[in-house]
């Protein structure tokens, strides 16, 4: 009995000593957190999507406070919260931020099932990453969308869905937060964040095929063939042709849409532009004839 009581007392003393040691160590080596970090984190949406370039909102909050101490938070932003949230953060930290143009994800592949016929059958793990690792995929185009929906699965906000008819992802721009999760997960790099543009109007090349014109066109009827006609008609030097593929710089583009009309394969698309009257009349005539 005495032995058991002694053992209990010894264990109690050891526990007490350990508690005291831990308390002293925690006080001595404690890292004090700037209270502003917690306040900034409360303002942030808490999506932890990684669109800001950090693992989560806490990382962005820490970076914002550190930037404020250095006198600038330039380059730091929350794509989910947008200008509204960043304005609140700036006010909280006593900083000024420059207004940035809102962005949206765009799918730079217009090769639907009709334009890009299937030439092989993939019978493996149904993910874009796995299919891309095996080779070109199910079509002759080694650059286009693989259609497994990794981008839609990565979107936490439901801003992407797969179109069953075309086999391509579609972006719901009213839901898209431009967090960039879909951009990071796409193994073919066909998704890009671009400026929404005035009145949500934008023009971009919906193709990333770098093969020479004849090869690209054989693989997909909607492919850019690198002919350079779009570059020639652009008066604002917004278009470059590199590695057989055209690219439109949205910071230079003035949305004149001349490149859209000049493209022989219709690889350049325009979004939210009013339909021209002659096009409307042509459609009405077709309906009447039908």
Protein backbone atom coordinates (compact mmCIF):
# COMPACT_ATOMS: atom_id res chain seq x y z
CA UNK A 1 0.00 0.00 0.00
CA UNK A 2 2.81 2.37 0.92
CA UNK A 3 4.59 1.46 -2.34
CA UNK A 4 1.52 2.39 -4.41
CA UNK A 5 1.04 5.66 -2.54
CA UNK A 6 4.72 6.53 -3.06
CA UNK A 7 4.40 5.83 -6.79
CA UNK A 8 1.35 8.08 -7.08
CA UNK A 9 3.11 10.88 -5.22
CA UNK A 10 6.20 10.57 -7.41
CA UNK A 11 4.13 10.66 -10.61
CA UNK A 12 2.23 13.69 -9.31
CA UNK A 13 5.48 15.50 -8.53
CA UNK A 14 6.90 14.64 -11.97
CA UNK A 15 3.70 15.90 -13.65
CA UNK A 16 3.83 19.11 -11.63
CA UNK A 17 7.47 19.70 -12.51
CA UNK A 18 6.78 18.99 -16.20
CA UNK A 19 3.85 21.41 -16.16
CA UNK A 20 6.00 24.14 -14.63
CA UNK A 21 8.78 23.54 -17.15
CA UNK A 22 6.36 23.65 -20.08
CA UNK A 23 4.80 26.84 -18.75
CA UNK A 24 8.18 28.54 -18.40
CA UNK A 25 9.34 27.37 -21.84
CA UNK A 26 6.10 28.49 -23.50
CA UNK A 27 6.47 31.94 -21.97
CA UNK A 28 10.13 32.28 -22.80
CA UNK A 29 9.89 31.09 -26.41
CA UNK A 30 6.41 32.41 -27.15
CA UNK A 31 5.99 34.08 -30.53
CA UNK A 32 3.69 37.05 -30.24
CA UNK A 33 1.38 37.46 -33.24
CA UNK A 34 0.52 40.89 -34.49
CA UNK A 35 -3.16 41.43 -33.59
CA UNK A 36 -3.70 43.00 -37.02
CA UNK A 37 -3.21 39.59 -38.63
CA UNK A 38 -6.29 38.25 -36.88
CA UNK A 39 -8.33 41.31 -37.80
CA UNK A 40 -7.28 41.10 -41.46
CA UNK A 41 -8.06 37.38 -41.53
CA UNK A 42 -11.56 38.11 -40.24
CA UNK A 43 -12.12 40.46 -43.19
CA UNK A 44 -10.92 37.90 -45.75
CA UNK A 45 -13.58 35.47 -47.08
CA UNK A 46 -11.96 32.36 -45.60
CA UNK A 47 -12.15 30.35 -48.84
CA UNK A 48 -8.53 29.16 -48.48
CA UNK A 49 -8.51 28.59 -52.24
CA UNK A 50 -4.89 29.56 -52.80
CA UNK A 51 -5.75 32.04 -55.53
CA UNK A 52 -3.74 34.72 -53.73
CA UNK A 53 -0.58 32.64 -54.01
CA UNK A 54 -0.59 31.52 -50.37
CA UNK A 55 -1.74 28.26 -48.83
CA UNK A 56 -4.69 29.97 -47.14
CA UNK A 57 -6.18 33.21 -45.91
CA UNK A 58 -3.94 33.22 -42.83
CA UNK A 59 -0.86 33.28 -45.05
CA UNK A 60 -2.24 36.20 -47.05
CA UNK A 61 -3.17 38.06 -43.86
CA UNK A 62 0.37 37.66 -42.54
CA UNK A 63 1.84 38.85 -45.84
CA UNK A 64 -0.49 41.86 -45.94
CA UNK A 65 0.50 42.97 -42.45
CA UNK A 66 4.19 42.47 -43.26
CA UNK A 67 3.73 44.47 -46.46
CA UNK A 68 2.00 47.26 -44.56
CA UNK A 69 4.96 47.46 -42.18
CA UNK A 70 7.24 47.87 -45.21
CA UNK A 71 4.99 50.54 -46.69
CA UNK A 72 3.38 48.65 -49.58
CA UNK A 73 0.91 45.81 -50.18
CA UNK A 74 1.26 46.01 -53.95
CA UNK A 75 0.96 42.63 -55.62
CA UNK A 76 -1.07 41.14 -52.78
CA UNK A 77 -4.74 40.57 -53.42
CA UNK A 78 -7.66 38.29 -52.69
CA UNK A 79 -9.32 37.23 -55.97
CA UNK A 80 -12.36 35.86 -54.16
CA UNK A 81 -13.08 38.98 -52.13
CA UNK A 82 -12.14 41.30 -54.95
CA UNK A 83 -11.84 45.09 -54.66
CA UNK A 84 -14.45 45.28 -51.90
CA UNK A 85 -12.54 43.06 -49.48
CA UNK A 86 -9.16 44.53 -50.42
CA UNK A 87 -10.56 47.99 -49.80
CA UNK A 88 -11.57 46.94 -46.29
CA UNK A 89 -8.13 45.44 -45.70
CA UNK A 90 -6.44 48.62 -46.93
CA UNK A 91 -8.55 50.72 -44.60
CA UNK A 92 -7.73 48.42 -41.71
CA UNK A 93 -4.00 48.68 -42.37
CA UNK A 94 -4.06 52.35 -43.29
CA UNK A 95 -2.83 51.65 -46.80
CA UNK A 96 -3.87 52.67 -50.29
CA UNK A 97 -4.43 50.16 -53.07
CA UNK A 98 -4.63 50.61 -56.80
CA UNK A 99 -7.83 49.61 -58.51
CA UNK A 100 -7.34 46.41 -60.50
CA UNK A 101 -9.39 45.12 -63.39
CA UNK A 102 -11.59 42.15 -62.46
CA UNK A 103 -10.61 38.90 -64.12
CA UNK A 104 -12.36 35.71 -65.15
CA UNK A 105 -11.22 32.28 -66.26
CA UNK A 106 -11.39 31.59 -70.00
CA UNK A 107 -11.02 28.24 -71.73
CA UNK A 108 -8.55 28.51 -74.60
CA UNK A 109 -9.81 25.48 -76.49
CA UNK A 110 -12.65 25.61 -78.96
CA UNK A 111 -12.19 22.09 -80.24
CA UNK A 112 -15.49 20.44 -79.45
CA UNK A 113 -16.46 16.94 -80.51
CA UNK A 114 -17.42 18.10 -84.02
CA UNK A 115 -14.17 19.94 -84.67
CA UNK A 116 -11.86 17.44 -83.02
CA UNK A 117 -13.00 13.85 -83.67
CA UNK A 118 -11.87 11.01 -81.44
CA UNK A 119 -9.08 8.86 -82.84
CA UNK A 120 -8.37 6.69 -79.78
CA UNK A 121 -10.13 5.33 -76.71
CA UNK A 122 -8.69 5.90 -73.26
CA UNK A 123 -9.47 3.20 -70.72
CA UNK A 124 -7.70 4.36 -67.59
CA UNK A 125 -8.16 6.61 -64.59
CA UNK A 126 -10.68 9.25 -65.65
CA UNK A 127 -8.70 12.38 -64.84
CA UNK A 128 -7.01 14.87 -67.12
CA UNK A 129 -3.74 14.44 -65.25
CA UNK A 130 -3.73 10.66 -65.79
CA UNK A 131 -4.82 10.88 -69.41
CA UNK A 132 -2.23 13.55 -70.20
CA UNK A 133 0.48 11.39 -68.66
CA UNK A 134 -0.31 8.59 -71.12
CA UNK A 135 0.09 10.72 -74.23
CA UNK A 136 -2.06 12.79 -76.56
CA UNK A 137 -5.41 11.66 -75.20
CA UNK A 138 -8.36 10.53 -77.28
CA UNK A 139 -7.97 13.06 -80.12
CA UNK A 140 -5.21 13.88 -82.56
CA UNK A 141 -4.60 17.22 -80.84
CA UNK A 142 -1.91 16.94 -78.20
CA UNK A 143 -2.62 20.40 -76.83
CA UNK A 144 -6.40 20.66 -76.43
CA UNK A 145 -8.83 19.92 -73.62
CA UNK A 146 -8.90 16.32 -72.42
CA UNK A 147 -12.48 16.60 -71.17
CA UNK A 148 -12.20 14.74 -67.87
CA UNK A 149 -13.25 17.71 -65.77
CA UNK A 150 -10.32 18.15 -63.40
CA UNK A 151 -10.89 21.90 -63.63
CA UNK A 152 -14.55 21.62 -62.66
CA UNK A 153 -13.65 19.37 -59.72
CA UNK A 154 -11.01 21.84 -58.53
CA UNK A 155 -13.40 24.81 -58.49
CA UNK A 156 -14.74 25.33 -54.97
CA UNK A 157 -17.36 27.80 -56.14
CA UNK A 158 -19.13 25.88 -58.91
CA UNK A 159 -17.86 28.28 -61.55
CA UNK A 160 -17.02 25.52 -64.05
CA UNK A 161 -19.06 22.72 -65.55
CA UNK A 162 -18.47 20.26 -68.33
CA UNK A 163 -20.63 20.55 -71.42
CA UNK A 164 -21.67 17.01 -72.32
CA UNK A 165 -22.28 17.90 -75.99
CA UNK A 166 -18.94 19.58 -76.69
CA UNK A 167 -16.87 17.80 -74.05
CA UNK A 168 -15.39 21.16 -73.03
CA UNK A 169 -15.55 23.04 -69.73
CA UNK A 170 -17.72 26.15 -69.55
CA UNK A 171 -17.13 29.04 -67.16
CA UNK A 172 -20.00 30.69 -65.30
CA UNK A 173 -18.55 34.19 -65.11
CA UNK A 174 -21.17 35.27 -62.57
CA UNK A 175 -19.82 32.64 -60.17
CA UNK A 176 -16.13 32.58 -61.14
CA UNK A 177 -13.92 34.32 -58.58
CA UNK A 178 -10.72 34.12 -60.65
CA UNK A 179 -9.05 32.17 -57.85
CA UNK A 180 -6.94 30.32 -60.42
CA UNK A 181 -7.55 26.80 -59.08
CA UNK A 182 -8.67 25.59 -62.52
CA UNK A 183 -5.62 27.20 -64.12
CA UNK A 184 -3.25 25.33 -61.82
CA UNK A 185 -4.90 21.92 -62.19
CA UNK A 186 -5.15 21.85 -66.00
CA UNK A 187 -2.25 19.74 -67.36
CA UNK A 188 -2.64 21.23 -70.84
CA UNK A 189 -2.63 24.86 -69.59
CA UNK A 190 -5.65 25.78 -71.68
CA UNK A 191 -7.33 27.85 -68.94
CA UNK A 192 -6.20 31.41 -68.39
CA UNK A 193 -7.27 34.31 -66.19
CA UNK A 194 -8.06 37.33 -68.36
CA UNK A 195 -9.62 40.73 -67.79
CA UNK A 196 -13.39 40.67 -67.88
CA UNK A 197 -13.25 43.80 -69.98
CA UNK A 198 -15.68 46.71 -70.27
CA UNK A 199 -19.28 45.48 -70.27
CA UNK A 200 -17.75 42.00 -69.81
CA UNK A 201 -16.59 42.07 -73.42
CA UNK A 202 -13.35 40.31 -74.28
CA UNK A 203 -11.52 38.81 -77.23
CA UNK A 204 -9.07 35.93 -77.04
CA UNK A 205 -7.53 33.14 -79.09
CA UNK A 206 -9.33 29.96 -78.11
CA UNK A 207 -6.50 27.62 -79.03
CA UNK A 208 -3.07 26.64 -77.67
CA UNK A 209 -1.98 24.24 -80.44
CA UNK A 210 1.66 24.93 -81.33
CA UNK A 211 1.82 22.59 -84.34
CA UNK A 212 2.30 24.03 -87.81
CA UNK A 213 -0.84 25.15 -89.60
CA UNK A 214 -1.58 22.07 -91.68
CA UNK A 215 -0.93 19.67 -88.80
CA UNK A 216 -2.99 21.74 -86.35
CA UNK A 217 -5.91 22.06 -88.79
CA UNK A 218 -5.88 18.33 -89.46
CA UNK A 219 -6.16 17.63 -85.75
CA UNK A 220 -8.86 20.25 -85.14
CA UNK A 221 -10.93 22.31 -87.56
CA UNK A 222 -11.08 25.19 -85.06
CA UNK A 223 -7.32 25.36 -84.45
CA UNK A 224 -5.18 28.45 -84.87
CA UNK A 225 -2.90 27.88 -87.86
CA UNK A 226 -0.50 30.71 -87.09
CA UNK A 227 -1.16 32.45 -90.40
CA UNK A 228 -0.71 35.89 -88.84
CA UNK A 229 -3.74 37.51 -90.50
CA UNK A 230 -5.01 38.63 -87.11
CA UNK A 231 -1.68 40.26 -86.32
CA UNK A 232 -1.69 42.14 -89.62
CA UNK A 233 -5.12 43.72 -89.08
CA UNK A 234 -4.50 44.69 -85.44
CA UNK A 235 -3.70 48.42 -85.22
CA UNK A 236 -2.77 48.31 -81.56
CA UNK A 237 0.08 45.76 -81.58
CA UNK A 238 -1.95 43.58 -79.26
CA UNK A 239 -1.36 40.33 -81.16
CA UNK A 240 1.79 38.26 -81.40
CA UNK A 241 2.40 34.99 -83.19
CA UNK A 242 4.92 32.74 -81.45
CA UNK A 243 5.43 29.00 -82.03
CA UNK A 244 2.65 28.89 -84.63
CA UNK A 245 0.04 30.25 -82.20
CA UNK A 246 -1.50 33.70 -81.89
CA UNK A 247 -1.94 35.43 -78.56
CA UNK A 248 -3.88 38.59 -77.71
CA UNK A 249 -2.54 40.84 -74.94
CA UNK A 250 -5.65 41.99 -73.07
CA UNK A 251 -3.81 45.05 -71.75
CA UNK A 252 -3.35 46.33 -75.33
CA UNK A 253 -6.50 45.01 -77.01
CA UNK A 254 -9.09 47.70 -77.80
CA UNK A 255 -11.82 45.20 -78.67
CA UNK A 256 -12.17 46.33 -82.28
CA UNK A 257 -12.81 42.64 -83.23
CA UNK A 258 -11.10 42.99 -86.61
CA UNK A 259 -8.97 39.98 -85.72
CA UNK A 260 -12.12 37.94 -85.17
CA UNK A 261 -13.33 38.71 -88.69
CA UNK A 262 -9.88 38.05 -90.18
CA UNK A 263 -9.33 34.62 -88.60
CA UNK A 264 -9.93 31.94 -91.27
CA UNK A 265 -10.53 29.14 -88.74
CA UNK A 266 -12.62 31.14 -86.24
CA UNK A 267 -10.08 30.38 -83.54
CA UNK A 268 -10.50 33.88 -82.13
CA UNK A 269 -13.69 34.34 -80.16
CA UNK A 270 -15.48 37.41 -78.86
CA UNK A 271 -17.69 37.39 -75.78
CA UNK A 272 -20.76 39.53 -75.02
CA UNK A 273 -20.56 41.64 -78.15
CA UNK A 274 -23.84 42.71 -79.77
CA UNK A 275 -24.78 40.66 -82.80
CA UNK A 276 -24.39 42.56 -86.05
CA UNK A 277 -27.61 43.38 -87.88
CA UNK A 278 -26.67 41.52 -91.06
CA UNK A 279 -26.06 38.39 -88.97
CA UNK A 280 -29.45 38.75 -87.32
CA UNK A 281 -31.18 39.16 -90.68
CA UNK A 282 -29.39 36.11 -92.06
CA UNK A 283 -30.55 34.03 -89.09
CA UNK A 284 -34.12 35.28 -89.50
CA UNK A 285 -34.06 34.38 -93.21
CA UNK A 286 -32.84 30.88 -92.38
CA UNK A 287 -35.67 30.44 -89.87
CA UNK A 288 -38.24 31.61 -92.41
CA UNK A 289 -36.90 29.24 -95.04
CA UNK A 290 -37.01 26.36 -92.56
